[in-house]
C-alpha atoms as a PDB file:
ATOM      1  CA  UNK A   1     -93.981  70.842-132.607  1.00  0.00           C
ATOM      2  CA  UNK A   2     -92.785  74.387-133.115  1.00  0.00           C
ATOM      3  CA  UNK A   3     -93.555  76.861-135.844  1.00  0.00           C
ATOM      4  CA  UNK A   4     -90.330  75.778-137.575  1.00  0.00           C
ATOM      5  CA  UNK A   5     -91.616  72.194-137.950  1.00  0.00           C
ATOM      6  CA  UNK A   6     -94.379  70.565-139.918  1.00  0.00           C
ATOM      7  CA  UNK A   7     -95.919  67.108-139.933  1.00  0.00           C
ATOM      8  CA  UNK A   8     -97.528  64.902-142.576  1.00  0.00           C
ATOM      9  CA  UNK A   9     -99.379  61.743-141.623  1.00  0.00           C
ATOM     10  CA  UNK A  10     -99.286  59.295-144.590  1.00  0.00           C
ATOM     11  CA  UNK A  11    -102.349  57.098-145.151  1.00  0.00           C
ATOM     12  CA  UNK A  12    -104.226  55.661-148.079  1.00  0.00           C
ATOM     13  CA  UNK A  13    -104.398  58.649-150.403  1.00  0.00           C
ATOM     14  CA  UNK A  14    -102.162  59.005-153.426  1.00  0.00           C
ATOM     15  CA  UNK A  15     -98.470  59.722-152.935  1.00  0.00           C
ATOM     16  CA  UNK A  16     -98.720  63.090-154.706  1.00  0.00           C
ATOM     17  CA  UNK A  17    -101.233  64.390-152.135  1.00  0.00           C
ATOM     18  CA  UNK A  18     -98.631  63.838-149.393  1.00  0.00           C
ATOM     19  CA  UNK A  19     -95.801  65.257-151.572  1.00  0.00           C
ATOM     20  CA  UNK A  20     -97.827  68.405-152.154  1.00  0.00           C
ATOM     21  CA  UNK A  21     -98.594  68.747-148.409  1.00  0.00           C
ATOM     22  CA  UNK A  22     -94.880  68.391-147.587  1.00  0.00           C
ATOM     23  CA  UNK A  23     -93.734  70.937-150.235  1.00  0.00           C
ATOM     24  CA  UNK A  24     -96.395  73.434-149.077  1.00  0.00           C
ATOM     25  CA  UNK A  25     -95.132  73.190-145.479  1.00  0.00           C
ATOM     26  CA  UNK A  26     -91.547  73.898-146.637  1.00  0.00           C
ATOM     27  CA  UNK A  27     -92.777  76.815-148.795  1.00  0.00           C
ATOM     28  CA  UNK A  28     -94.587  78.244-145.772  1.00  0.00           C
ATOM     29  CA  UNK A  29     -91.295  78.468-143.894  1.00  0.00           C
ATOM     30  CA  UNK A  30     -90.908  75.105-142.047  1.00  0.00           C
ATOM     31  CA  UNK A  31     -87.341  74.154-141.562  1.00  0.00           C
ATOM     32  CA  UNK A  32     -88.205  70.495-140.809  1.00  0.00           C
ATOM     33  CA  UNK A  33     -91.098  68.301-141.808  1.00  0.00           C
ATOM     34  CA  UNK A  34     -91.835  65.011-140.108  1.00  0.00           C
ATOM     35  CA  UNK A  35     -93.399  62.317-142.355  1.00  0.00           C
ATOM     36  CA  UNK A  36     -95.159  59.648-140.312  1.00  0.00           C
ATOM     37  CA  UNK A  37     -96.730  56.371-141.418  1.00  0.00           C
ATOM     38  CA  UNK A  38     -97.590  52.939-140.071  1.00  0.00           C
ATOM     39  CA  UNK A  39     -98.339  49.568-141.523  1.00  0.00           C
ATOM     40  CA  UNK A  40     -98.888  49.352-145.241  1.00  0.00           C
ATOM     41  CA  UNK A  41     -98.369  53.114-145.657  1.00  0.00           C
ATOM     42  CA  UNK A  42     -94.694  52.864-144.792  1.00  0.00           C
ATOM     43  CA  UNK A  43     -93.616  52.336-148.385  1.00  0.00           C
ATOM     44  CA  UNK A  44     -95.784  55.278-149.424  1.00  0.00           C
ATOM     45  CA  UNK A  45     -94.031  57.490-146.802  1.00  0.00           C
ATOM     46  CA  UNK A  46     -90.594  56.511-148.155  1.00  0.00           C
ATOM     47  CA  UNK A  47     -91.818  57.348-151.673  1.00  0.00           C
ATOM     48  CA  UNK A  48     -93.026  60.758-150.432  1.00  0.00           C
ATOM     49  CA  UNK A  49     -89.666  61.553-148.878  1.00  0.00           C
ATOM     50  CA  UNK A  50     -87.723  60.483-151.957  1.00  0.00           C
ATOM     51  CA  UNK A  51     -89.974  62.360-154.440  1.00  0.00           C
ATOM     52  CA  UNK A  52     -89.747  65.572-152.348  1.00  0.00           C
ATOM     53  CA  UNK A  53     -86.011  65.208-151.973  1.00  0.00           C
ATOM     54  CA  UNK A  54     -85.156  64.252-155.567  1.00  0.00           C
ATOM     55  CA  UNK A  55     -87.762  65.976-157.698  1.00  0.00           C
ATOM     56  CA  UNK A  56     -89.468  68.912-156.067  1.00  0.00           C
ATOM     57  CA  UNK A  57     -86.917  70.364-153.640  1.00  0.00           C
ATOM     58  CA  UNK A  58     -83.755  68.936-155.130  1.00  0.00           C
ATOM     59  CA  UNK A  59     -80.594  70.338-153.454  1.00  0.00           C
ATOM     60  CA  UNK A  60     -82.795  72.163-150.885  1.00  0.00           C
ATOM     61  CA  UNK A  61     -83.922  69.339-148.584  1.00  0.00           C
ATOM     62  CA  UNK A  62     -82.157  66.372-147.027  1.00  0.00           C
ATOM     63  CA  UNK A  63     -83.105  63.511-144.712  1.00  0.00           C
ATOM     64  CA  UNK A  64     -82.158  64.448-141.148  1.00  0.00           C
ATOM     65  CA  UNK A  65     -83.246  61.195-139.589  1.00  0.00           C
ATOM     66  CA  UNK A  66     -85.355  58.073-139.720  1.00  0.00           C
ATOM     67  CA  UNK A  67     -87.033  56.315-136.771  1.00  0.00           C
ATOM     68  CA  UNK A  68     -88.494  52.835-137.099  1.00  0.00           C
ATOM     69  CA  UNK A  69     -90.480  51.262-134.358  1.00  0.00           C
ATOM     70  CA  UNK A  70     -93.678  49.289-133.630  1.00  0.00           C
ATOM     71  CA  UNK A  71     -96.730  50.121-131.542  1.00  0.00           C
ATOM     72  CA  UNK A  72     -99.403  47.828-130.168  1.00  0.00           C
ATOM     73  CA  UNK A  73    -102.858  47.974-131.742  1.00  0.00           C
ATOM     74  CA  UNK A  74    -106.072  46.290-130.613  1.00  0.00           C
ATOM     75  CA  UNK A  75    -107.117  44.675-127.330  1.00  0.00           C
ATOM     76  CA  UNK A  76    -107.130  41.237-125.838  1.00  0.00           C
ATOM     77  CA  UNK A  77    -106.502  38.358-128.260  1.00  0.00           C
ATOM     78  CA  UNK A  78    -106.665  40.776-131.218  1.00  0.00           C
ATOM     79  CA  UNK A  79    -103.639  42.690-129.949  1.00  0.00           C
ATOM     80  CA  UNK A  80    -100.970  43.134-132.657  1.00  0.00           C
ATOM     81  CA  UNK A  81     -97.877  45.144-133.219  1.00  0.00           C
ATOM     82  CA  UNK A  82     -97.879  47.509-136.181  1.00  0.00           C
ATOM     83  CA  UNK A  83     -94.631  48.885-137.634  1.00  0.00           C
ATOM     84  CA  UNK A  84     -94.225  52.648-137.754  1.00  0.00           C
ATOM     85  CA  UNK A  85     -91.752  54.987-139.493  1.00  0.00           C
ATOM     86  CA  UNK A  86     -90.922  58.635-138.962  1.00  0.00           C
ATOM     87  CA  UNK A  87     -88.828  60.390-141.655  1.00  0.00           C
ATOM     88  CA  UNK A  88     -87.478  63.835-140.855  1.00  0.00           C
ATOM     89  CA  UNK A  89     -86.791  66.074-143.833  1.00  0.00           C
ATOM     90  CA  UNK A  90     -84.759  69.208-143.116  1.00  0.00           C
ATOM     91  CA  UNK A  91     -84.014  72.247-145.261  1.00  0.00           C
ATOM     92  CA  UNK A  92     -80.304  72.537-146.089  1.00  0.00           C
ATOM     93  CA  UNK A  93     -78.506  75.567-144.644  1.00  0.00           C
END
């Protein structure tokens, strides 16, 4: 991750906490911010991206890409796959 990029890991806090973290990173000069989430937090990550894009930084930020995958969690018989998402927001030129 370079100085031009930021990252926000979405978890169980309120959506506005993550929106604020994303907007702050853009205001500090980041050209791209990666929003990551897994499991139940995926819908929250999508909400964060849409709120930033449509309310806070309207006409300044766009979605550059979305990656969806799954990763193994646990060991032995408790091994499960958990879905993950990465949303890349990029400042328009």
